[in-house]
Amino acid sequence: MRVPITRTVEAAVSAASTKLARDPPAGTGAFLFLLLFLASCATHKDMQHRVVISVKDQRLAVLDRQTLIAVYPVSTSKYGVGDWRGSYRTPVGELEIAQKIGDGMPPGTVFKDRRRTGEIVGVNAPGRDPIVTRIIWLRGLELQNGNAFRRDIYIHGTPEERNIGLPVSYGCVRMKSEDVVKLYDVVGTGAHVTIVDEPLAAVVSGLANATQTALTIRSGMTIR
């Protein structure tokens, strides 16, 4: 698995800052400025996009500067909503994208503990239910979802695409491989993710006016 460049930069900045604090050399000012600049790049957050997930509708909407650009079917937990450890439930509320894993991997790539196993599983392969294709790891921003990151709550691909649209997961938000690739390529780390247990149209402005058939829009994604 490739380490994201932001994590690499953050680690370098942290190590260099610790060394400087212990033994500051002459001319440290310019170097500290460079470190601050690198740190600001490393902590850049995607403030342009927002993801809204409806447990009630089993749908996920993508917004670009508050404009709806895509809606995809998903699968949330078979046990309902919640965030206590060991519950296998999908957390609700405000979260953010903490990490993205799987850059450039082919659809069906199997991940275990967020590492590639080297296996590729086909769509609806009998008896197989691993995490595949992409992982978008979520971090809770509220008390009601504060365990989400430690619980390994992801938006991820699944080979069980026949069950997309039904609540059958163990807490994560499952997507078809082709759909999670599109989402992964649009949203960045830090983008807000809102999970609600109410109709998507009640939360996303303009959704009620979207056509029910797929149509291509300016981003190359689709409203479904």
C-alpha atoms as a PDB file:
ATOM      1  CA  MET A   1       0.000   0.000   0.000  1.00  0.00           C
ATOM      2  CA  ARG A   2       1.362   3.415  -0.902  1.00  0.00           C
ATOM      3  CA  VAL A   3       1.611   5.931   1.933  1.00  0.00           C
ATOM      4  CA  PRO A   4      -0.349   9.134   1.115  1.00  0.00           C
ATOM      5  CA  ILE A   5       1.936  12.082   0.474  1.00  0.00           C
ATOM      6  CA  THR A   6       0.186  14.143   3.169  1.00  0.00           C
ATOM      7  CA  ARG A   7       1.106  11.567   5.822  1.00  0.00           C
ATOM      8  CA  THR A   8       4.699  11.500   4.559  1.00  0.00           C
ATOM      9  CA  VAL A   9       4.984  15.291   4.709  1.00  0.00           C
ATOM     10  CA  GLU A  10       3.357  15.434   8.131  1.00  0.00           C
ATOM     11  CA  ALA A  11       5.823  12.869   9.476  1.00  0.00           C
ATOM     12  CA  ALA A  12       8.781  14.766   8.013  1.00  0.00           C
ATOM     13  CA  VAL A  13       7.548  18.062   9.429  1.00  0.00           C
ATOM     14  CA  SER A  14       7.028  16.528  12.863  1.00  0.00           C
ATOM     15  CA  ALA A  15      10.491  14.938  12.955  1.00  0.00           C
ATOM     16  CA  ALA A  16      12.241  18.088  11.741  1.00  0.00           C
ATOM     17  CA  SER A  17      10.359  20.287  14.194  1.00  0.00           C
ATOM     18  CA  THR A  18      11.352  18.054  17.120  1.00  0.00           C
ATOM     19  CA  LYS A  19      15.024  18.156  16.093  1.00  0.00           C
ATOM     20  CA  LEU A  20      14.949  21.931  15.719  1.00  0.00           C
ATOM     21  CA  ALA A  21      13.369  22.359  19.124  1.00  0.00           C
ATOM     22  CA  ARG A  22      16.205  20.356  20.722  1.00  0.00           C
ATOM     23  CA  ASP A  23      19.085  21.885  18.753  1.00  0.00           C
ATOM     24  CA  PRO A  24      18.162  25.019  16.741  1.00  0.00           C
ATOM     25  CA  PRO A  25      20.949  25.871  14.226  1.00  0.00           C
ATOM     26  CA  ALA A  26      21.845  29.314  12.970  1.00  0.00           C
ATOM     27  CA  GLY A  27      19.498  30.666  10.305  1.00  0.00           C
ATOM     28  CA  THR A  28      16.581  28.629  11.583  1.00  0.00           C
ATOM     29  CA  GLY A  29      14.000  31.287  10.656  1.00  0.00           C
ATOM     30  CA  ALA A  30      13.844  30.544   6.924  1.00  0.00           C
ATOM     31  CA  PHE A  31      13.732  26.809   7.543  1.00  0.00           C
ATOM     32  CA  LEU A  32      10.885  27.190  10.023  1.00  0.00           C
ATOM     33  CA  PHE A  33       8.974  29.194   7.408  1.00  0.00           C
ATOM     34  CA  LEU A  34       9.451  26.322   4.948  1.00  0.00           C
ATOM     35  CA  LEU A  35       8.222  23.836   7.540  1.00  0.00           C
ATOM     36  CA  LEU A  36       5.117  25.910   8.214  1.00  0.00           C
ATOM     37  CA  PHE A  37       4.430  26.110   4.480  1.00  0.00           C
ATOM     38  CA  LEU A  38       4.778  22.332   4.099  1.00  0.00           C
ATOM     39  CA  ALA A  39       2.555  21.777   7.120  1.00  0.00           C
ATOM     40  CA  SER A  40      -0.145  23.986   5.629  1.00  0.00           C
ATOM     41  CA  CYS A  41      -0.013  21.928   2.412  1.00  0.00           C
ATOM     42  CA  ALA A  42      -0.147  18.669   4.345  1.00  0.00           C
ATOM     43  CA  THR A  43      -3.241  19.706   6.285  1.00  0.00           C
ATOM     44  CA  HIS A  44      -5.205  20.956   3.267  1.00  0.00           C
ATOM     45  CA  LYS A  45      -8.824  19.877   3.488  1.00  0.00           C
ATOM     46  CA  ASP A  46     -11.386  19.444   0.745  1.00  0.00           C
ATOM     47  CA  MET A  47     -13.910  22.185   1.545  1.00  0.00           C
ATOM     48  CA  GLN A  48     -15.465  22.049  -1.915  1.00  0.00           C
ATOM     49  CA  HIS A  49     -17.245  18.711  -1.738  1.00  0.00           C
ATOM     50  CA  ARG A  50     -19.754  17.207   0.658  1.00  0.00           C
ATOM     51  CA  VAL A  51     -21.200  13.708   0.859  1.00  0.00           C
ATOM     52  CA  VAL A  52     -24.675  13.033   2.263  1.00  0.00           C
ATOM     53  CA  ILE A  53     -25.791   9.474   2.992  1.00  0.00           C
ATOM     54  CA  SER A  54     -29.394   8.503   3.718  1.00  0.00           C
ATOM     55  CA  VAL A  55     -29.794   5.292   5.720  1.00  0.00           C
ATOM     56  CA  LYS A  56     -33.535   5.450   5.085  1.00  0.00           C
ATOM     57  CA  ASP A  57     -33.153   5.631   1.291  1.00  0.00           C
ATOM     58  CA  GLN A  58     -29.879   3.671   1.010  1.00  0.00           C
ATOM     59  CA  ARG A  59     -28.535   6.455  -1.205  1.00  0.00           C
ATOM     60  CA  LEU A  60     -25.459   8.661  -1.246  1.00  0.00           C
ATOM     61  CA  ALA A  61     -25.385  12.167  -2.705  1.00  0.00           C
ATOM     62  CA  VAL A  62     -22.284  14.115  -3.753  1.00  0.00           C
ATOM     63  CA  LEU A  63     -22.332  17.906  -3.700  1.00  0.00           C
ATOM     64  CA  ASP A  64     -19.875  20.335  -5.256  1.00  0.00           C
ATOM     65  CA  ARG A  65     -20.147  23.756  -3.599  1.00  0.00           C
ATOM     66  CA  GLN A  66     -23.690  22.833  -2.499  1.00  0.00           C
ATOM     67  CA  THR A  67     -24.677  21.789  -6.038  1.00  0.00           C
ATOM     68  CA  LEU A  68     -25.835  18.205  -6.417  1.00  0.00           C
ATOM     69  CA  ILE A  69     -23.619  16.359  -8.892  1.00  0.00           C
ATOM     70  CA  ALA A  70     -24.339  12.663  -8.282  1.00  0.00           C
ATOM     71  CA  VAL A  71     -26.438  10.153  -6.378  1.00  0.00           C
ATOM     72  CA  TYR A  72     -25.450   6.508  -5.898  1.00  0.00           C
ATOM     73  CA  PRO A  73     -27.135   3.509  -4.257  1.00  0.00           C
ATOM     74  CA  VAL A  74     -25.377   2.186  -1.150  1.00  0.00           C
ATOM     75  CA  SER A  75     -25.727  -0.397   1.590  1.00  0.00           C
ATOM     76  CA  THR A  76     -25.527   0.524   5.284  1.00  0.00           C
ATOM     77  CA  SER A  77     -25.682  -1.681   8.385  1.00  0.00           C
ATOM     78  CA  LYS A  78     -28.165  -4.523   8.758  1.00  0.00           C
ATOM     79  CA  TYR A  79     -28.253  -3.635  12.476  1.00  0.00           C
ATOM     80  CA  GLY A  80     -29.394  -0.037  12.039  1.00  0.00           C
ATOM     81  CA  VAL A  81     -27.673   3.121  13.267  1.00  0.00           C
ATOM     82  CA  GLY A  82     -25.392   3.733  16.232  1.00  0.00           C
ATOM     83  CA  ASP A  83     -21.735   4.078  17.148  1.00  0.00           C
ATOM     84  CA  TRP A  84     -20.941   2.079  20.259  1.00  0.00           C
ATOM     85  CA  ARG A  85     -18.064  -0.347  19.871  1.00  0.00           C
ATOM     86  CA  GLY A  86     -19.031  -3.849  18.825  1.00  0.00           C
ATOM     87  CA  SER A  87     -22.450  -2.705  17.636  1.00  0.00           C
ATOM     88  CA  TYR A  88     -21.818  -3.226  13.892  1.00  0.00           C
ATOM     89  CA  ARG A  89     -24.083  -0.225  13.292  1.00  0.00           C
ATOM     90  CA  THR A  90     -23.676   2.715  10.928  1.00  0.00           C
ATOM     91  CA  PRO A  91     -22.949   5.997  12.744  1.00  0.00           C
ATOM     92  CA  VAL A  92     -25.022   9.089  11.975  1.00  0.00           C
ATOM     93  CA  GLY A  93     -24.214  12.787  12.138  1.00  0.00           C
ATOM     94  CA  GLU A  94     -21.298  14.856  10.877  1.00  0.00           C
ATOM     95  CA  LEU A  95     -18.091  13.083   9.912  1.00  0.00           C
ATOM     96  CA  GLU A  96     -15.120  13.772   7.653  1.00  0.00           C
ATOM     97  CA  ILE A  97     -12.919  11.808   5.287  1.00  0.00           C
ATOM     98  CA  ALA A  98      -9.821  10.946   7.294  1.00  0.00           C
ATOM     99  CA  GLN A  99      -7.910   8.804   4.793  1.00  0.00           C
ATOM    100  CA  LYS A 100      -8.231   7.420   1.264  1.00  0.00           C
ATOM    101  CA  ILE A 101      -6.708   4.061   0.357  1.00  0.00           C
ATOM    102  CA  GLY A 102      -6.498   2.290  -2.987  1.00  0.00           C
ATOM    103  CA  ASP A 103      -5.224   4.834  -5.516  1.00  0.00           C
ATOM    104  CA  GLY A 104      -5.137   3.305  -8.990  1.00  0.00           C
ATOM    105  CA  MET A 105      -6.061  -0.210  -7.905  1.00  0.00           C
ATOM    106  CA  PRO A 106      -8.207  -2.251 -10.340  1.00  0.00           C
ATOM    107  CA  PRO A 107     -11.851  -2.907  -9.418  1.00  0.00           C
ATOM    108  CA  GLY A 108     -12.208  -5.929  -7.167  1.00  0.00           C
ATOM    109  CA  THR A 109      -8.820  -5.479  -5.462  1.00  0.00           C
ATOM    110  CA  VAL A 110      -9.164  -7.088  -2.020  1.00  0.00           C
ATOM    111  CA  PHE A 111      -8.067  -5.229   1.131  1.00  0.00           C
ATOM    112  CA  LYS A 112      -7.518  -6.722   4.574  1.00  0.00           C
ATOM    113  CA  ASP A 113      -6.589  -4.365   7.401  1.00  0.00           C
ATOM    114  CA  ARG A 114      -6.328  -1.681   4.703  1.00  0.00           C
ATOM    115  CA  ARG A 115      -3.583  -3.569   2.871  1.00  0.00           C
ATOM    116  CA  ARG A 116      -3.845  -5.219  -0.538  1.00  0.00           C
ATOM    117  CA  THR A 117      -3.890  -9.001  -0.382  1.00  0.00           C
ATOM    118  CA  GLY A 118      -2.977  -9.397  -4.052  1.00  0.00           C
ATOM    119  CA  GLU A 119      -6.327 -10.962  -4.859  1.00  0.00           C
ATOM    120  CA  ILE A 120      -9.001  -9.588  -7.176  1.00  0.00           C
ATOM    121  CA  VAL A 121     -12.593 -10.702  -6.650  1.00  0.00           C
ATOM    122  CA  GLY A 122     -15.271 -10.464  -9.318  1.00  0.00           C
ATOM    123  CA  VAL A 123     -18.698  -8.892  -8.935  1.00  0.00           C
ATOM    124  CA  ASN A 124     -21.113 -11.144  -6.996  1.00  0.00           C
ATOM    125  CA  ALA A 125     -18.481 -13.850  -6.553  1.00  0.00           C
ATOM    126  CA  PRO A 126     -20.219 -16.654  -4.610  1.00  0.00           C
ATOM    127  CA  GLY A 127     -19.375 -16.830  -0.916  1.00  0.00           C
ATOM    128  CA  ARG A 128     -17.097 -13.783  -0.967  1.00  0.00           C
ATOM    129  CA  ASP A 129     -17.660 -10.568   0.973  1.00  0.00           C
ATOM    130  CA  PRO A 130     -14.329  -8.728   1.389  1.00  0.00           C
ATOM    131  CA  ILE A 131     -13.621  -5.000   1.231  1.00  0.00           C
ATOM    132  CA  VAL A 132     -12.618  -4.218  -2.352  1.00  0.00           C
ATOM    133  CA  THR A 133     -11.530  -1.519  -4.818  1.00  0.00           C
ATOM    134  CA  ARG A 134     -11.309   1.623  -2.623  1.00  0.00           C
ATOM    135  CA  ILE A 135     -11.447   2.593   1.065  1.00  0.00           C
ATOM    136  CA  ILE A 136     -12.625   6.004   2.249  1.00  0.00           C
ATOM    137  CA  TRP A 137     -12.017   5.997   6.015  1.00  0.00           C
ATOM    138  CA  LEU A 138     -14.322   8.197   8.080  1.00  0.00           C
ATOM    139  CA  ARG A 139     -13.679  10.136  11.288  1.00  0.00           C
ATOM    140  CA  GLY A 140     -16.570  11.282  13.487  1.00  0.00           C
ATOM    141  CA  LEU A 141     -16.798  14.954  14.431  1.00  0.00           C
ATOM    142  CA  GLU A 142     -19.444  14.614  17.119  1.00  0.00           C
ATOM    143  CA  LEU A 143     -19.987  12.784  20.393  1.00  0.00           C
ATOM    144  CA  GLN A 144     -22.592  10.553  18.740  1.00  0.00           C
ATOM    145  CA  ASN A 145     -20.073   9.256  16.182  1.00  0.00           C
ATOM    146  CA  GLY A 146     -16.794   9.656  18.037  1.00  0.00           C
ATOM    147  CA  ASN A 147     -15.927   5.951  17.721  1.00  0.00           C
ATOM    148  CA  ALA A 148     -16.266   5.818  13.931  1.00  0.00           C
ATOM    149  CA  PHE A 149     -12.549   6.046  13.120  1.00  0.00           C
ATOM    150  CA  ARG A 150     -11.527   3.482  15.752  1.00  0.00           C
ATOM    151  CA  ARG A 151     -14.350   1.222  14.565  1.00  0.00           C
ATOM    152  CA  ASP A 152     -12.906   1.315  11.024  1.00  0.00           C
ATOM    153  CA  ILE A 153     -16.034   2.787   9.476  1.00  0.00           C
ATOM    154  CA  TYR A 154     -15.428   3.149   5.734  1.00  0.00           C
ATOM    155  CA  ILE A 155     -17.146   3.917   2.492  1.00  0.00           C
ATOM    156  CA  HIS A 156     -15.833   1.036   0.396  1.00  0.00           C
ATOM    157  CA  GLY A 157     -16.436  -1.219  -2.550  1.00  0.00           C
ATOM    158  CA  THR A 158     -18.113  -4.608  -2.212  1.00  0.00           C
ATOM    159  CA  PRO A 159     -18.327  -7.607  -4.546  1.00  0.00           C
ATOM    160  CA  GLU A 160     -21.894  -8.219  -3.295  1.00  0.00           C
ATOM    161  CA  GLU A 161     -23.360  -5.688  -5.688  1.00  0.00           C
ATOM    162  CA  ARG A 162     -26.647  -7.596  -5.839  1.00  0.00           C
ATOM    163  CA  ASN A 163     -27.321  -6.328  -2.298  1.00  0.00           C
ATOM    164  CA  ILE A 164     -26.588  -2.667  -2.955  1.00  0.00           C
ATOM    165  CA  GLY A 165     -29.692  -0.689  -2.029  1.00  0.00           C
ATOM    166  CA  LEU A 166     -30.380  -2.963   0.948  1.00  0.00           C
ATOM    167  CA  PRO A 167     -29.051  -2.552   4.522  1.00  0.00           C
ATOM    168  CA  VAL A 168     -26.768  -5.594   4.767  1.00  0.00           C
ATOM    169  CA  SER A 169     -23.367  -4.273   5.941  1.00  0.00           C
ATOM    170  CA  TYR A 170     -21.694  -4.541   9.344  1.00  0.00           C
ATOM    171  CA  GLY A 171     -21.464  -0.780   9.897  1.00  0.00           C
ATOM    172  CA  CYS A 172     -19.651   0.515   6.832  1.00  0.00           C
ATOM    173  CA  VAL A 173     -21.215   2.123   3.769  1.00  0.00           C
ATOM    174  CA  ARG A 174     -20.871  -0.214   0.786  1.00  0.00           C
ATOM    175  CA  MET A 175     -20.882   0.846  -2.859  1.00  0.00           C
ATOM    176  CA  LYS A 176     -20.543  -0.776  -6.261  1.00  0.00           C
ATOM    177  CA  SER A 177     -16.912  -0.776  -7.372  1.00  0.00           C
ATOM    178  CA  GLU A 178     -17.472   1.521 -10.359  1.00  0.00           C
ATOM    179  CA  ASP A 179     -19.347   3.976  -8.137  1.00  0.00           C
ATOM    180  CA  VAL A 180     -16.824   4.071  -5.296  1.00  0.00           C
ATOM    181  CA  VAL A 181     -14.037   4.747  -7.822  1.00  0.00           C
ATOM    182  CA  LYS A 182     -15.942   7.784  -9.114  1.00  0.00           C
ATOM    183  CA  LEU A 183     -16.576   9.045  -5.588  1.00  0.00           C
ATOM    184  CA  TYR A 184     -12.961   8.435  -4.562  1.00  0.00           C
ATOM    185  CA  ASP A 185     -11.668  10.426  -7.518  1.00  0.00           C
ATOM    186  CA  VAL A 186     -13.820  13.459  -6.662  1.00  0.00           C
ATOM    187  CA  VAL A 187     -13.695  13.880  -2.881  1.00  0.00           C
ATOM    188  CA  GLY A 188     -10.556  14.637  -0.911  1.00  0.00           C
ATOM    189  CA  THR A 189      -9.488  14.153   2.670  1.00  0.00           C
ATOM    190  CA  GLY A 190     -11.271  16.512   5.031  1.00  0.00           C
ATOM    191  CA  ALA A 191     -14.456  16.566   2.969  1.00  0.00           C
ATOM    192  CA  HIS A 192     -17.531  16.476   5.172  1.00  0.00           C
ATOM    193  CA  VAL A 193     -19.762  13.411   5.225  1.00  0.00           C
ATOM    194  CA  THR A 194     -23.256  13.680   6.691  1.00  0.00           C
ATOM    195  CA  ILE A 195     -25.117  10.459   7.514  1.00  0.00           C
ATOM    196  CA  VAL A 196     -28.822  10.765   8.281  1.00  0.00           C
ATOM    197  CA  ASP A 197     -31.669   8.381   9.028  1.00  0.00           C
ATOM    198  CA  GLU A 198     -34.183  10.319   6.971  1.00  0.00           C
ATOM    199  CA  PRO A 199     -35.012  10.717   3.276  1.00  0.00           C
ATOM    200  CA  LEU A 200     -32.206  12.161   1.157  1.00  0.00           C
ATOM    201  CA  ALA A 201     -34.591  14.686  -0.410  1.00  0.00           C
ATOM    202  CA  ALA A 202     -35.231  16.173   3.040  1.00  0.00           C
ATOM    203  CA  VAL A 203     -31.540  17.006   3.411  1.00  0.00           C
ATOM    204  CA  VAL A 204     -30.221  17.680  -0.099  1.00  0.00           C
ATOM    205  CA  SER A 205     -31.628  20.691  -1.875  1.00  0.00           C
ATOM    206  CA  GLY A 206     -32.571  20.017  -5.486  1.00  0.00           C
ATOM    207  CA  LEU A 207     -32.725  16.257  -5.153  1.00  0.00           C
ATOM    208  CA  ALA A 208     -36.502  16.201  -5.363  1.00  0.00           C
ATOM    209  CA  ASN A 209     -36.255  17.842  -8.801  1.00  0.00           C
ATOM    210  CA  ALA A 210     -33.643  15.437 -10.154  1.00  0.00           C
ATOM    211  CA  THR A 211     -34.832  13.021 -12.802  1.00  0.00           C
ATOM    212  CA  GLN A 212     -35.104   9.378 -11.827  1.00  0.00           C
ATOM    213  CA  THR A 213     -33.194   8.178 -14.871  1.00  0.00           C
ATOM    214  CA  ALA A 214     -29.455   8.456 -15.194  1.00  0.00           C
ATOM    215  CA  LEU A 215     -28.206  11.592 -16.922  1.00  0.00           C
ATOM    216  CA  THR A 216     -24.733  12.821 -17.612  1.00  0.00           C
ATOM    217  CA  ILE A 217     -23.714  16.124 -16.084  1.00  0.00           C
ATOM    218  CA  ARG A 218     -20.738  18.435 -16.355  1.00  0.00           C
ATOM    219  CA  SER A 219     -18.432  16.465 -14.026  1.00  0.00           C
ATOM    220  CA  GLY A 220     -18.821  13.256 -15.993  1.00  0.00           C
ATOM    221  CA  MET A 221     -20.599  11.631 -13.078  1.00  0.00           C
ATOM    222  CA  THR A 222     -24.261  10.707 -13.041  1.00  0.00           C
ATOM    223  CA  ILE A 223     -27.417  11.340 -11.098  1.00  0.00           C
ATOM    224  CA  ARG A 224     -29.201   8.048 -10.559  1.00  0.00           C
END
